């Protein structure tokens, strides 16, 4: 097993735990949609944005493996190339850089918003 595969599996496990915890908390909450998001983020908008960023980063990181999986599922090796080219047309270095900038800005905004609230 290569190091890249091991790191991908580790990332899947970590983000999987985050997703399961978030969904459980969201489903357990019994208020409006925004309040449920707040509760799922443990009272922190920063956590909500950071978890969303982790999911997007994971999808981007495993897109190559996803293309291979779709190809094997379809039984057509050429499908992997077309899936990879479709993914790569959207996930360019400029797109990834822009996404990182947007998520960094959102995390900073969410953290400042959380810090500005008076403590109970």
PDB file of N, CA and C in Angstrom:
ATOM      1  N   UNK A   1       0.857  -1.175   0.000  1.00  0.00           N
ATOM      2  CA  UNK A   1       0.000   0.000   0.000  1.00  0.00           C
ATOM      3  C   UNK A   1       0.904   1.239   0.000  1.00  0.00           C
ATOM      4  N   UNK A   2       0.615   2.138  -0.918  1.00  0.00           N
ATOM      5  CA  UNK A   2       1.439   3.334  -1.038  1.00  0.00           C
ATOM      6  C   UNK A   2       1.086   4.352   0.050  1.00  0.00           C
ATOM      7  N   UNK A   3       1.989   5.277   0.255  1.00  0.00           N
ATOM      8  CA  UNK A   3       1.768   6.324   1.250  1.00  0.00           C
ATOM      9  C   UNK A   3       0.570   7.188   0.870  1.00  0.00           C
ATOM     10  N   UNK A   4       0.418   7.481  -0.427  1.00  0.00           N
ATOM     11  CA  UNK A   4      -0.717   8.295  -0.880  1.00  0.00           C
ATOM     12  C   UNK A   4      -2.036   7.597  -0.570  1.00  0.00           C
ATOM     13  N   UNK A   5      -2.100   6.288  -0.789  1.00  0.00           N
ATOM     14  CA  UNK A   5      -3.325   5.537  -0.494  1.00  0.00           C
ATOM     15  C   UNK A   5      -3.600   5.530   0.997  1.00  0.00           C
ATOM     16  N   UNK A   6      -2.558   5.352   1.791  1.00  0.00           N
ATOM     17  CA  UNK A   6      -2.713   5.350   3.241  1.00  0.00           C
ATOM     18  C   UNK A   6      -3.216   6.701   3.747  1.00  0.00           C
ATOM     19  N   UNK A   7      -2.649   7.776   3.231  1.00  0.00           N
ATOM     20  CA  UNK A   7      -3.091   9.114   3.633  1.00  0.00           C
ATOM     21  C   UNK A   7      -4.518   9.394   3.174  1.00  0.00           C
ATOM     22  N   UNK A   8      -4.883   8.899   1.994  1.00  0.00           N
ATOM     23  CA  UNK A   8      -6.251   9.072   1.506  1.00  0.00           C
ATOM     24  C   UNK A   8      -7.236   8.337   2.409  1.00  0.00           C
ATOM     25  N   UNK A   9      -6.897   7.113   2.800  1.00  0.00           N
ATOM     26  CA  UNK A   9      -7.767   6.351   3.700  1.00  0.00           C
ATOM     27  C   UNK A   9      -7.883   7.035   5.063  1.00  0.00           C
ATOM     28  N   UNK A  10      -6.784   7.582   5.554  1.00  0.00           N
ATOM     29  CA  UNK A  10      -6.808   8.306   6.824  1.00  0.00           C
ATOM     30  C   UNK A  10      -7.700   9.541   6.721  1.00  0.00           C
ATOM     31  N   UNK A  11      -7.577  10.277   5.616  1.00  0.00           N
ATOM     32  CA  UNK A  11      -8.420  11.467   5.402  1.00  0.00           C
ATOM     33  C   UNK A  11      -9.887  11.074   5.307  1.00  0.00           C
ATOM     34  N   UNK A  12     -10.176   9.977   4.615  1.00  0.00           N
ATOM     35  CA  UNK A  12     -11.563   9.495   4.531  1.00  0.00           C
ATOM     36  C   UNK A  12     -12.113   9.168   5.908  1.00  0.00           C
ATOM     37  N   UNK A  13     -11.312   8.524   6.739  1.00  0.00           N
ATOM     38  CA  UNK A  13     -11.763   8.160   8.086  1.00  0.00           C
ATOM     39  C   UNK A  13     -12.030   9.405   8.928  1.00  0.00           C
ATOM     40  N   UNK A  14     -11.124  10.365   8.890  1.00  0.00           N
ATOM     41  CA  UNK A  14     -11.282  11.575   9.692  1.00  0.00           C
ATOM     42  C   UNK A  14     -12.507  12.368   9.260  1.00  0.00           C
ATOM     43  N   UNK A  15     -12.632  12.606   7.958  1.00  0.00           N
ATOM     44  CA  UNK A  15     -13.774  13.375   7.464  1.00  0.00           C
ATOM     45  C   UNK A  15     -15.066  12.587   7.645  1.00  0.00           C
ATOM     46  N   UNK A  16     -14.991  11.263   7.534  1.00  0.00           N
ATOM     47  CA  UNK A  16     -16.166  10.436   7.795  1.00  0.00           C
ATOM     48  C   UNK A  16     -16.682  10.601   9.212  1.00  0.00           C
ATOM     49  N   UNK A  17     -15.776  10.628  10.177  1.00  0.00           N
ATOM     50  CA  UNK A  17     -16.165  10.843  11.575  1.00  0.00           C
ATOM     51  C   UNK A  17     -16.784  12.229  11.742  1.00  0.00           C
ATOM     52  N   UNK A  18     -16.186  13.246  11.111  1.00  0.00           N
ATOM     53  CA  UNK A  18     -16.739  14.599  11.184  1.00  0.00           C
ATOM     54  C   UNK A  18     -18.151  14.663  10.608  1.00  0.00           C
ATOM     55  N   UNK A  19     -18.344  14.000   9.468  1.00  0.00           N
ATOM     56  CA  UNK A  19     -19.656  14.024   8.816  1.00  0.00           C
ATOM     57  C   UNK A  19     -20.699  13.319   9.681  1.00  0.00           C
ATOM     58  N   UNK A  20     -20.360  12.140  10.200  1.00  0.00           N
ATOM     59  CA  UNK A  20     -21.310  11.387  11.028  1.00  0.00           C
ATOM     60  C   UNK A  20     -21.681  12.192  12.270  1.00  0.00           C
ATOM     61  N   UNK A  21     -20.696  12.795  12.917  1.00  0.00           N
ATOM     62  CA  UNK A  21     -20.966  13.595  14.115  1.00  0.00           C
ATOM     63  C   UNK A  21     -21.841  14.799  13.783  1.00  0.00           C
ATOM     64  N   UNK A  22     -21.540  15.467  12.677  1.00  0.00           N
ATOM     65  CA  UNK A  22     -22.309  16.648  12.269  1.00  0.00           C
ATOM     66  C   UNK A  22     -23.757  16.277  11.962  1.00  0.00           C
ATOM     67  N   UNK A  23     -23.945  15.203  11.200  1.00  0.00           N
ATOM     68  CA  UNK A  23     -25.298  14.782  10.822  1.00  0.00           C
ATOM     69  C   UNK A  23     -26.091  14.350  12.052  1.00  0.00           C
ATOM     70  N   UNK A  24     -25.460  13.614  12.949  1.00  0.00           N
ATOM     71  CA  UNK A  24     -26.151  13.207  14.184  1.00  0.00           C
ATOM     72  C   UNK A  24     -26.600  14.417  14.993  1.00  0.00           C
ATOM     73  N   UNK A  25     -25.722  15.387  15.131  1.00  0.00           N
ATOM     74  CA  UNK A  25     -26.065  16.592  15.887  1.00  0.00           C
ATOM     75  C   UNK A  25     -27.154  17.386  15.190  1.00  0.00           C
ATOM     76  N   UNK A  26     -27.090  17.464  13.867  1.00  0.00           N
ATOM     77  CA  UNK A  26     -28.090  18.209  13.107  1.00  0.00           C
ATOM     78  C   UNK A  26     -29.461  17.547  13.244  1.00  0.00           C
ATOM     79  N   UNK A  27     -29.514  16.239  13.124  1.00  0.00           N
ATOM     80  CA  UNK A  27     -30.780  15.512  13.219  1.00  0.00           C
ATOM     81  C   UNK A  27     -31.349  15.585  14.637  1.00  0.00           C
ATOM     82  N   UNK A  28     -30.474  15.571  15.641  1.00  0.00           N
ATOM     83  CA  UNK A  28     -30.930  15.607  17.035  1.00  0.00           C
ATOM     84  C   UNK A  28     -31.501  16.968  17.426  1.00  0.00           C
ATOM     85  N   UNK A  29     -31.055  18.027  16.753  1.00  0.00           N
ATOM     86  CA  UNK A  29     -31.545  19.372  17.080  1.00  0.00           C
ATOM     87  C   UNK A  29     -32.997  19.507  16.629  1.00  0.00           C
ATOM     88  N   UNK A  30     -33.750  20.302  17.366  1.00  0.00           N
ATOM     89  CA  UNK A  30     -35.187  20.419  17.070  1.00  0.00           C
ATOM     90  C   UNK A  30     -35.618  21.868  16.916  1.00  0.00           C
ATOM     91  N   UNK A  31     -34.908  22.605  16.111  1.00  0.00           N
ATOM     92  CA  UNK A  31     -35.266  24.014  15.921  1.00  0.00           C
ATOM     93  C   UNK A  31     -35.207  24.351  14.430  1.00  0.00           C
ATOM     94  N   UNK A  32     -35.033  25.626  14.100  1.00  0.00           N
ATOM     95  CA  UNK A  32     -34.981  26.041  12.701  1.00  0.00           C
ATOM     96  C   UNK A  32     -33.718  25.500  12.038  1.00  0.00           C
ATOM     97  N   UNK A  33     -33.684  25.582  10.724  1.00  0.00           N
ATOM     98  CA  UNK A  33     -32.536  25.083   9.978  1.00  0.00           C
ATOM     99  C   UNK A  33     -31.222  25.728  10.377  1.00  0.00           C
ATOM    100  N   UNK A  34     -31.233  27.056  10.523  1.00  0.00           N
ATOM    101  CA  UNK A  34     -30.002  27.764  10.911  1.00  0.00           C
ATOM    102  C   UNK A  34     -29.578  27.387  12.324  1.00  0.00           C
ATOM    103  N   UNK A  35     -30.548  27.258  13.218  1.00  0.00           N
ATOM    104  CA  UNK A  35     -30.219  26.887  14.598  1.00  0.00           C
ATOM    105  C   UNK A  35     -29.686  25.453  14.651  1.00  0.00           C
ATOM    106  N   UNK A  36     -30.212  24.587  13.796  1.00  0.00           N
ATOM    107  CA  UNK A  36     -29.711  23.212  13.749  1.00  0.00           C
ATOM    108  C   UNK A  36     -28.268  23.181  13.258  1.00  0.00           C
ATOM    109  N   UNK A  37     -27.944  24.034  12.265  1.00  0.00           N
ATOM    110  CA  UNK A  37     -26.551  24.130  11.816  1.00  0.00           C
ATOM    111  C   UNK A  37     -25.656  24.610  12.955  1.00  0.00           C
ATOM    112  N   UNK A  38     -26.144  25.612  13.677  1.00  0.00           N
ATOM    113  CA  UNK A  38     -25.399  26.156  14.810  1.00  0.00           C
ATOM    114  C   UNK A  38     -25.159  25.069  15.862  1.00  0.00           C
ATOM    115  N   UNK A  39     -26.201  24.296  16.164  1.00  0.00           N
ATOM    116  CA  UNK A  39     -26.074  23.218  17.146  1.00  0.00           C
ATOM    117  C   UNK A  39     -25.129  22.128  16.652  1.00  0.00           C
ATOM    118  N   UNK A  40     -25.196  21.807  15.370  1.00  0.00           N
ATOM    119  CA  UNK A  40     -24.317  20.777  14.814  1.00  0.00           C
ATOM    120  C   UNK A  40     -22.862  21.219  14.844  1.00  0.00           C
ATOM    121  N   UNK A  41     -22.630  22.525  14.762  1.00  0.00           N
ATOM    122  CA  UNK A  41     -21.280  23.064  14.844  1.00  0.00           C
ATOM    123  C   UNK A  41     -20.843  23.331  16.268  1.00  0.00           C
ATOM    124  N   UNK A  42     -21.598  22.838  17.215  1.00  0.00           N
ATOM    125  CA  UNK A  42     -21.294  23.000  18.654  1.00  0.00           C
ATOM    126  C   UNK A  42     -21.245  24.469  19.047  1.00  0.00           C
ATOM    127  N   UNK A  43     -22.139  25.261  18.459  1.00  0.00           N
ATOM    128  CA  UNK A  43     -22.221  26.674  18.816  1.00  0.00           C
ATOM    129  C   UNK A  43     -21.133  27.528  18.189  1.00  0.00           C
ATOM    130  N   UNK A  44     -20.512  27.021  17.114  1.00  0.00           N
ATOM    131  CA  UNK A  44     -19.425  27.759  16.484  1.00  0.00           C
ATOM    132  C   UNK A  44     -19.604  27.748  14.968  1.00  0.00           C
ATOM    133  N   UNK A  45     -19.785  28.931  14.403  1.00  0.00           N
ATOM    134  CA  UNK A  45     -19.880  29.033  12.946  1.00  0.00           C
ATOM    135  C   UNK A  45     -18.561  28.617  12.302  1.00  0.00           C
ATOM    136  N   UNK A  46     -17.469  28.826  13.018  1.00  0.00           N
ATOM    137  CA  UNK A  46     -16.159  28.429  12.519  1.00  0.00           C
ATOM    138  C   UNK A  46     -16.113  26.929  12.256  1.00  0.00           C
ATOM    139  N   UNK A  47     -16.678  26.152  13.164  1.00  0.00           N
ATOM    140  CA  UNK A  47     -16.680  24.696  13.000  1.00  0.00           C
ATOM    141  C   UNK A  47     -17.515  24.278  11.794  1.00  0.00           C
ATOM    142  N   UNK A  48     -18.634  24.934  11.578  1.00  0.00           N
ATOM    143  CA  UNK A  48     -19.484  24.598  10.432  1.00  0.00           C
ATOM    144  C   UNK A  48     -18.723  24.849   9.139  1.00  0.00           C
ATOM    145  N   UNK A  49     -18.092  26.007   9.030  1.00  0.00           N
ATOM    146  CA  UNK A  49     -17.359  26.361   7.817  1.00  0.00           C
ATOM    147  C   UNK A  49     -16.130  25.462   7.653  1.00  0.00           C
ATOM    148  N   UNK A  50     -15.425  25.177   8.739  1.00  0.00           N
ATOM    149  CA  UNK A  50     -14.234  24.327   8.664  1.00  0.00           C
ATOM    150  C   UNK A  50     -14.602  22.905   8.240  1.00  0.00           C
ATOM    151  N   UNK A  51     -15.710  22.394   8.747  1.00  0.00           N
ATOM    152  CA  UNK A  51     -16.127  21.043   8.355  1.00  0.00           C
ATOM    153  C   UNK A  51     -16.550  21.009   6.890  1.00  0.00           C
ATOM    154  N   UNK A  52     -17.214  22.039   6.425  1.00  0.00           N
ATOM    155  CA  UNK A  52     -17.567  22.122   5.014  1.00  0.00           C
ATOM    156  C   UNK A  52     -16.300  22.167   4.164  1.00  0.00           C
ATOM    157  N   UNK A  53     -15.326  22.934   4.611  1.00  0.00           N
ATOM    158  CA  UNK A  53     -14.046  22.999   3.899  1.00  0.00           C
ATOM    159  C   UNK A  53     -13.336  21.657   3.856  1.00  0.00           C
ATOM    160  N   UNK A  54     -13.408  20.904   4.945  1.00  0.00           N
ATOM    161  CA  UNK A  54     -12.783  19.578   4.986  1.00  0.00           C
ATOM    162  C   UNK A  54     -13.449  18.625   3.998  1.00  0.00           C
ATOM    163  N   UNK A  55     -14.760  18.696   3.894  1.00  0.00           N
ATOM    164  CA  UNK A  55     -15.479  17.834   2.953  1.00  0.00           C
ATOM    165  C   UNK A  55     -15.113  18.193   1.513  1.00  0.00           C
ATOM    166  N   UNK A  56     -15.082  19.484   1.199  1.00  0.00           N
ATOM    167  CA  UNK A  56     -14.722  19.916  -0.157  1.00  0.00           C
ATOM    168  C   UNK A  56     -13.285  19.520  -0.478  1.00  0.00           C
ATOM    169  N   UNK A  57     -12.378  19.689   0.469  1.00  0.00           N
ATOM    170  CA  UNK A  57     -10.976  19.314   0.250  1.00  0.00           C
ATOM    171  C   UNK A  57     -10.844  17.815   0.027  1.00  0.00           C
ATOM    172  N   UNK A  58     -11.596  17.030   0.769  1.00  0.00           N
ATOM    173  CA  UNK A  58     -11.537  15.579   0.598  1.00  0.00           C
ATOM    174  C   UNK A  58     -12.054  15.173  -0.781  1.00  0.00           C
ATOM    175  N   UNK A  59     -13.149  15.753  -1.191  1.00  0.00           N
ATOM    176  CA  UNK A  59     -13.697  15.438  -2.517  1.00  0.00           C
ATOM    177  C   UNK A  59     -12.678  15.770  -3.598  1.00  0.00           C
ATOM    178  N   UNK A  60     -12.011  16.909  -3.460  1.00  0.00           N
ATOM    179  CA  UNK A  60     -10.990  17.304  -4.426  1.00  0.00           C
ATOM    180  C   UNK A  60      -9.813  16.336  -4.400  1.00  0.00           C
ATOM    181  N   UNK A  61      -9.398  15.938  -3.194  1.00  0.00           N
ATOM    182  CA  UNK A  61      -8.234  15.065  -3.053  1.00  0.00           C
ATOM    183  C   UNK A  61      -8.486  13.658  -3.605  1.00  0.00           C
ATOM    184  N   UNK A  62      -9.686  13.157  -3.442  1.00  0.00           N
ATOM    185  CA  UNK A  62      -9.960  11.781  -3.871  1.00  0.00           C
ATOM    186  C   UNK A  62     -10.609  11.713  -5.250  1.00  0.00           C
ATOM    187  N   UNK A  63     -10.680  12.830  -5.951  1.00  0.00           N
ATOM    188  CA  UNK A  63     -11.344  12.840  -7.256  1.00  0.00           C
ATOM    189  C   UNK A  63     -10.677  11.880  -8.240  1.00  0.00           C
ATOM    190  N   UNK A  64      -9.361  11.757  -8.164  1.00  0.00           N
ATOM    191  CA  UNK A  64      -8.649  10.842  -9.054  1.00  0.00           C
ATOM    192  C   UNK A  64      -9.042   9.394  -8.753  1.00  0.00           C
ATOM    193  N   UNK A  65      -9.077   9.050  -7.468  1.00  0.00           N
ATOM    194  CA  UNK A  65      -9.484   7.702  -7.064  1.00  0.00           C
ATOM    195  C   UNK A  65     -10.953   7.464  -7.409  1.00  0.00           C
ATOM    196  N   UNK A  66     -11.757   8.506  -7.290  1.00  0.00           N
ATOM    197  CA  UNK A  66     -13.174   8.412  -7.617  1.00  0.00           C
ATOM    198  C   UNK A  66     -13.362   8.081  -9.094  1.00  0.00           C
ATOM    199  N   UNK A  67     -12.554   8.677  -9.945  1.00  0.00           N
ATOM    200  CA  UNK A  67     -12.635   8.399 -11.376  1.00  0.00           C
ATOM    201  C   UNK A  67     -12.277   6.941 -11.661  1.00  0.00           C
ATOM    202  N   UNK A  68     -11.249   6.437 -11.001  1.00  0.00           N
ATOM    203  CA  UNK A  68     -10.874   5.028 -11.181  1.00  0.00           C
ATOM    204  C   UNK A  68     -11.979   4.099 -10.692  1.00  0.00           C
ATOM    205  N   UNK A  69     -12.612   4.462  -9.584  1.00  0.00           N
ATOM    206  CA  UNK A  69     -13.687   3.643  -9.032  1.00  0.00           C
ATOM    207  C   UNK A  69     -14.892   3.612  -9.974  1.00  0.00           C
ATOM    208  N   UNK A  70     -15.254   4.758 -10.513  1.00  0.00           N
ATOM    209  CA  UNK A  70     -16.365   4.829 -11.466  1.00  0.00           C
ATOM    210  C   UNK A  70     -16.040   4.001 -12.712  1.00  0.00           C
ATOM    211  N   UNK A  71     -14.787   4.077 -13.153  1.00  0.00           N
ATOM    212  CA  UNK A  71     -14.360   3.315 -14.319  1.00  0.00           C
ATOM    213  C   UNK A  71     -14.482   1.816 -14.070  1.00  0.00           C
ATOM    214  N   UNK A  72     -14.043   1.349 -12.906  1.00  0.00           N
ATOM    215  CA  UNK A  72     -14.136  -0.083 -12.612  1.00  0.00           C
ATOM    216  C   UNK A  72     -15.591  -0.508 -12.426  1.00  0.00           C
ATOM    217  N   UNK A  73     -16.407   0.393 -11.882  1.00  0.00           N
ATOM    218  CA  UNK A  73     -17.830   0.101 -11.706  1.00  0.00           C
ATOM    219  C   UNK A  73     -18.515  -0.070 -13.060  1.00  0.00           C
ATOM    220  N   UNK A  74     -18.147   0.772 -14.011  1.00  0.00           N
ATOM    221  CA  UNK A  74     -18.722   0.686 -15.352  1.00  0.00           C
ATOM    222  C   UNK A  74     -18.085  -0.417 -16.196  1.00  0.00           C
ATOM    223  N   UNK A  75     -16.916  -0.888 -15.763  1.00  0.00           N
ATOM    224  CA  UNK A  75     -16.210  -1.908 -16.526  1.00  0.00           C
ATOM    225  C   UNK A  75     -15.574  -1.373 -17.791  1.00  0.00           C
ATOM    226  N   UNK A  76     -15.325  -0.090 -17.842  1.00  0.00           N
ATOM    227  CA  UNK A  76     -14.755   0.550 -19.020  1.00  0.00           C
ATOM    228  C   UNK A  76     -13.540   1.374 -18.614  1.00  0.00           C
ATOM    229  N   UNK A  77     -12.314   0.876 -18.931  1.00  0.00           N
ATOM    230  CA  UNK A  77     -11.109   1.623 -18.550  1.00  0.00           C
ATOM    231  C   UNK A  77     -11.038   3.026 -19.165  1.00  0.00           C
ATOM    232  N   UNK A  78     -11.631   3.209 -20.313  1.00  0.00           N
ATOM    233  CA  UNK A  78     -11.603   4.528 -20.970  1.00  0.00           C
ATOM    234  C   UNK A  78     -12.474   5.534 -20.233  1.00  0.00           C
ATOM    235  N   UNK A  79     -13.418   5.041 -19.440  1.00  0.00           N
ATOM    236  CA  UNK A  79     -14.296   5.943 -18.696  1.00  0.00           C
ATOM    237  C   UNK A  79     -13.508   6.749 -17.672  1.00  0.00           C
ATOM    238  N   UNK A  80     -12.457   6.146 -17.115  1.00  0.00           N
ATOM    239  CA  UNK A  80     -11.650   6.857 -16.114  1.00  0.00           C
ATOM    240  C   UNK A  80     -11.034   8.109 -16.718  1.00  0.00           C
ATOM    241  N   UNK A  81     -10.551   8.008 -17.946  1.00  0.00           N
ATOM    242  CA  UNK A  81      -9.940   9.173 -18.586  1.00  0.00           C
ATOM    243  C   UNK A  81     -10.952  10.287 -18.816  1.00  0.00           C
ATOM    244  N   UNK A  82     -12.154   9.914 -19.248  1.00  0.00           N
ATOM    245  CA  UNK A  82     -13.157  10.949 -19.490  1.00  0.00           C
ATOM    246  C   UNK A  82     -13.645  11.567 -18.187  1.00  0.00           C
ATOM    247  N   UNK A  83     -13.766  10.749 -17.135  1.00  0.00           N
ATOM    248  CA  UNK A  83     -14.172  11.280 -15.831  1.00  0.00           C
ATOM    249  C   UNK A  83     -13.078  12.190 -15.281  1.00  0.00           C
ATOM    250  N   UNK A  84     -11.816  11.744 -15.377  1.00  0.00           N
ATOM    251  CA  UNK A  84     -10.694  12.556 -14.896  1.00  0.00           C
ATOM    252  C   UNK A  84     -10.617  13.884 -15.639  1.00  0.00           C
ATOM    253  N   UNK A  85     -10.805  13.851 -16.955  1.00  0.00           N
ATOM    254  CA  UNK A  85     -10.725  15.108 -17.704  1.00  0.00           C
ATOM    255  C   UNK A  85     -11.887  16.029 -17.354  1.00  0.00           C
ATOM    256  N   UNK A  86     -13.057  15.463 -17.084  1.00  0.00           N
ATOM    257  CA  UNK A  86     -14.198  16.287 -16.675  1.00  0.00           C
ATOM    258  C   UNK A  86     -13.937  16.924 -15.315  1.00  0.00           C
ATOM    259  N   UNK A  87     -13.378  16.146 -14.393  1.00  0.00           N
ATOM    260  CA  UNK A  87     -13.066  16.674 -13.059  1.00  0.00           C
ATOM    261  C   UNK A  87     -11.962  17.726 -13.159  1.00  0.00           C
ATOM    262  N   UNK A  88     -10.915  17.424 -13.934  1.00  0.00           N
ATOM    263  CA  UNK A  88      -9.779  18.338 -14.037  1.00  0.00           C
ATOM    264  C   UNK A  88     -10.133  19.638 -14.745  1.00  0.00           C
ATOM    265  N   UNK A  89     -11.201  19.637 -15.532  1.00  0.00           N
ATOM    266  CA  UNK A  89     -11.591  20.889 -16.168  1.00  0.00           C
ATOM    267  C   UNK A  89     -12.159  21.870 -15.143  1.00  0.00           C
ATOM    268  N   UNK A  90     -12.688  21.347 -14.018  1.00  0.00           N
ATOM    269  CA  UNK A  90     -13.229  22.212 -12.967  1.00  0.00           C
ATOM    270  C   UNK A  90     -12.249  22.397 -11.813  1.00  0.00           C
ATOM    271  N   UNK A  91     -11.450  21.385 -11.526  1.00  0.00           N
ATOM    272  CA  UNK A  91     -10.518  21.450 -10.395  1.00  0.00           C
ATOM    273  C   UNK A  91      -9.133  21.811 -10.924  1.00  0.00           C
ATOM    274  N   UNK A  92      -8.985  23.049 -11.316  1.00  0.00           N
ATOM    275  CA  UNK A  92      -7.704  23.559 -11.800  1.00  0.00           C
ATOM    276  C   UNK A  92      -6.956  24.190 -10.627  1.00  0.00           C
ATOM    277  N   UNK A  93      -5.660  24.426 -10.764  1.00  0.00           N
ATOM    278  CA  UNK A  93      -4.932  25.096  -9.679  1.00  0.00           C
ATOM    279  C   UNK A  93      -5.542  26.452  -9.307  1.00  0.00           C
ATOM    280  N   UNK A  94      -6.030  27.191 -10.287  1.00  0.00           N
ATOM    281  CA  UNK A  94      -6.655  28.486  -9.991  1.00  0.00           C
ATOM    282  C   UNK A  94      -7.935  28.296  -9.187  1.00  0.00           C
ATOM    283  N   UNK A  95      -8.717  27.282  -9.527  1.00  0.00           N
ATOM    284  CA  UNK A  95      -9.961  27.009  -8.800  1.00  0.00           C
ATOM    285  C   UNK A  95      -9.668  26.597  -7.365  1.00  0.00           C
ATOM    286  N   UNK A  96      -8.669  25.730  -7.193  1.00  0.00           N
ATOM    287  CA  UNK A  96      -8.311  25.277  -5.844  1.00  0.00           C
ATOM    288  C   UNK A  96      -7.808  26.460  -5.019  1.00  0.00           C
ATOM    289  N   UNK A  97      -6.973  27.300  -5.619  1.00  0.00           N
ATOM    290  CA  UNK A  97      -6.477  28.482  -4.910  1.00  0.00           C
ATOM    291  C   UNK A  97      -7.602  29.419  -4.511  1.00  0.00           C
ATOM    292  N   UNK A  98      -8.541  29.627  -5.424  1.00  0.00           N
ATOM    293  CA  UNK A  98      -9.681  30.488  -5.128  1.00  0.00           C
ATOM    294  C   UNK A  98     -10.538  29.884  -4.017  1.00  0.00           C
ATOM    295  N   UNK A  99     -10.773  28.581  -4.081  1.00  0.00           N
ATOM    296  CA  UNK A  99     -11.563  27.911  -3.043  1.00  0.00           C
ATOM    297  C   UNK A  99     -10.876  28.030  -1.683  1.00  0.00           C
ATOM    298  N   UNK A 100      -9.555  27.874  -1.652  1.00  0.00           N
ATOM    299  CA  UNK A 100      -8.820  28.013  -0.387  1.00  0.00           C
ATOM    300  C   UNK A 100      -8.957  29.431   0.152  1.00  0.00           C
ATOM    301  N   UNK A 101      -8.881  30.412  -0.727  1.00  0.00           N
ATOM    302  CA  UNK A 101      -9.023  31.805  -0.314  1.00  0.00           C
ATOM    303  C   UNK A 101     -10.418  32.067   0.244  1.00  0.00           C
ATOM    304  N   UNK A 102     -11.449  31.564  -0.445  1.00  0.00           N
ATOM    305  CA  UNK A 102     -12.824  31.751   0.014  1.00  0.00           C
ATOM    306  C   UNK A 102     -13.032  31.080   1.368  1.00  0.00           C
ATOM    307  N   UNK A 103     -12.578  29.833   1.518  1.00  0.00           N
ATOM    308  CA  UNK A 103     -12.756  29.147   2.795  1.00  0.00           C
ATOM    309  C   UNK A 103     -11.965  29.811   3.915  1.00  0.00           C
ATOM    310  N   UNK A 104     -10.769  30.300   3.608  1.00  0.00           N
ATOM    311  CA  UNK A 104      -9.998  31.015   4.631  1.00  0.00           C
ATOM    312  C   UNK A 104     -10.740  32.265   5.082  1.00  0.00           C
ATOM    313  N   UNK A 105     -11.284  32.993   4.113  1.00  0.00           N
ATOM    314  CA  UNK A 105     -12.063  34.189   4.452  1.00  0.00           C
ATOM    315  C   UNK A 105     -13.306  33.849   5.254  1.00  0.00           C
ATOM    316  N   UNK A 106     -14.002  32.782   4.868  1.00  0.00           N
ATOM    317  CA  UNK A 106     -15.194  32.368   5.616  1.00  0.00           C
ATOM    318  C   UNK A 106     -14.858  31.936   7.038  1.00  0.00           C
ATOM    319  N   UNK A 107     -13.765  31.200   7.194  1.00  0.00           N
ATOM    320  CA  UNK A 107     -13.372  30.766   8.543  1.00  0.00           C
ATOM    321  C   UNK A 107     -13.013  31.976   9.395  1.00  0.00           C
ATOM    322  N   UNK A 108     -12.271  32.921   8.827  1.00  0.00           N
ATOM    323  CA  UNK A 108     -11.912  34.122   9.583  1.00  0.00           C
ATOM    324  C   UNK A 108     -13.162  34.912   9.960  1.00  0.00           C
ATOM    325  N   UNK A 109     -14.084  35.079   9.011  1.00  0.00           N
ATOM    326  CA  UNK A 109     -15.333  35.794   9.294  1.00  0.00           C
ATOM    327  C   UNK A 109     -16.139  35.073  10.372  1.00  0.00           C
ATOM    328  N   UNK A 110     -16.251  33.763  10.247  1.00  0.00           N
ATOM    329  CA  UNK A 110     -17.028  32.998  11.222  1.00  0.00           C
ATOM    330  C   UNK A 110     -16.388  33.077  12.602  1.00  0.00           C
ATOM    331  N   UNK A 111     -15.075  33.015  12.641  1.00  0.00           N
ATOM    332  CA  UNK A 111     -14.390  33.087  13.949  1.00  0.00           C
ATOM    333  C   UNK A 111     -14.581  34.465  14.581  1.00  0.00           C
ATOM    334  N   UNK A 112     -14.450  35.510  13.798  1.00  0.00           N
ATOM    335  CA  UNK A 112     -14.653  36.856  14.333  1.00  0.00           C
ATOM    336  C   UNK A 112     -16.099  37.045  14.802  1.00  0.00           C
ATOM    337  N   UNK A 113     -17.024  36.477  14.070  1.00  0.00           N
ATOM    338  CA  UNK A 113     -18.441  36.557  14.440  1.00  0.00           C
ATOM    339  C   UNK A 113     -18.680  35.858  15.777  1.00  0.00           C
ATOM    340  N   UNK A 114     -18.073  34.672  15.924  1.00  0.00           N
ATOM    341  CA  UNK A 114     -18.223  33.908  17.162  1.00  0.00           C
ATOM    342  C   UNK A 114     -17.568  34.638  18.336  1.00  0.00           C
ATOM    343  N   UNK A 115     -16.383  35.218  18.095  1.00  0.00           N
ATOM    344  CA  UNK A 115     -15.653  35.909  19.170  1.00  0.00           C
ATOM    345  C   UNK A 115     -16.364  37.192  19.601  1.00  0.00           C
ATOM    346  N   UNK A 116     -17.105  37.809  18.690  1.00  0.00           N
ATOM    347  CA  UNK A 116     -17.753  39.078  19.032  1.00  0.00           C
ATOM    348  C   UNK A 116     -19.024  38.904  19.852  1.00  0.00           C
ATOM    349  N   UNK A 117     -19.504  37.671  19.963  1.00  0.00           N
ATOM    350  CA  UNK A 117     -20.722  37.429  20.752  1.00  0.00           C
ATOM    351  C   UNK A 117     -20.361  37.446  22.234  1.00  0.00           C
ATOM    352  N   UNK A 118     -21.204  38.077  23.047  1.00  0.00           N
ATOM    353  CA  UNK A 118     -20.925  38.084  24.482  1.00  0.00           C
ATOM    354  C   UNK A 118     -21.081  36.678  25.050  1.00  0.00           C
ATOM    355  N   UNK A 119     -20.193  36.332  25.960  1.00  0.00           N
ATOM    356  CA  UNK A 119     -20.261  34.999  26.564  1.00  0.00           C
ATOM    357  C   UNK A 119     -21.432  34.935  27.544  1.00  0.00           C
ATOM    358  N   UNK A 120     -21.994  33.752  27.645  1.00  0.00           N
ATOM    359  CA  UNK A 120     -23.187  33.594  28.505  1.00  0.00           C
ATOM    360  C   UNK A 120     -22.847  33.465  29.950  1.00  0.00           C
TER     361      UNK A 120
END
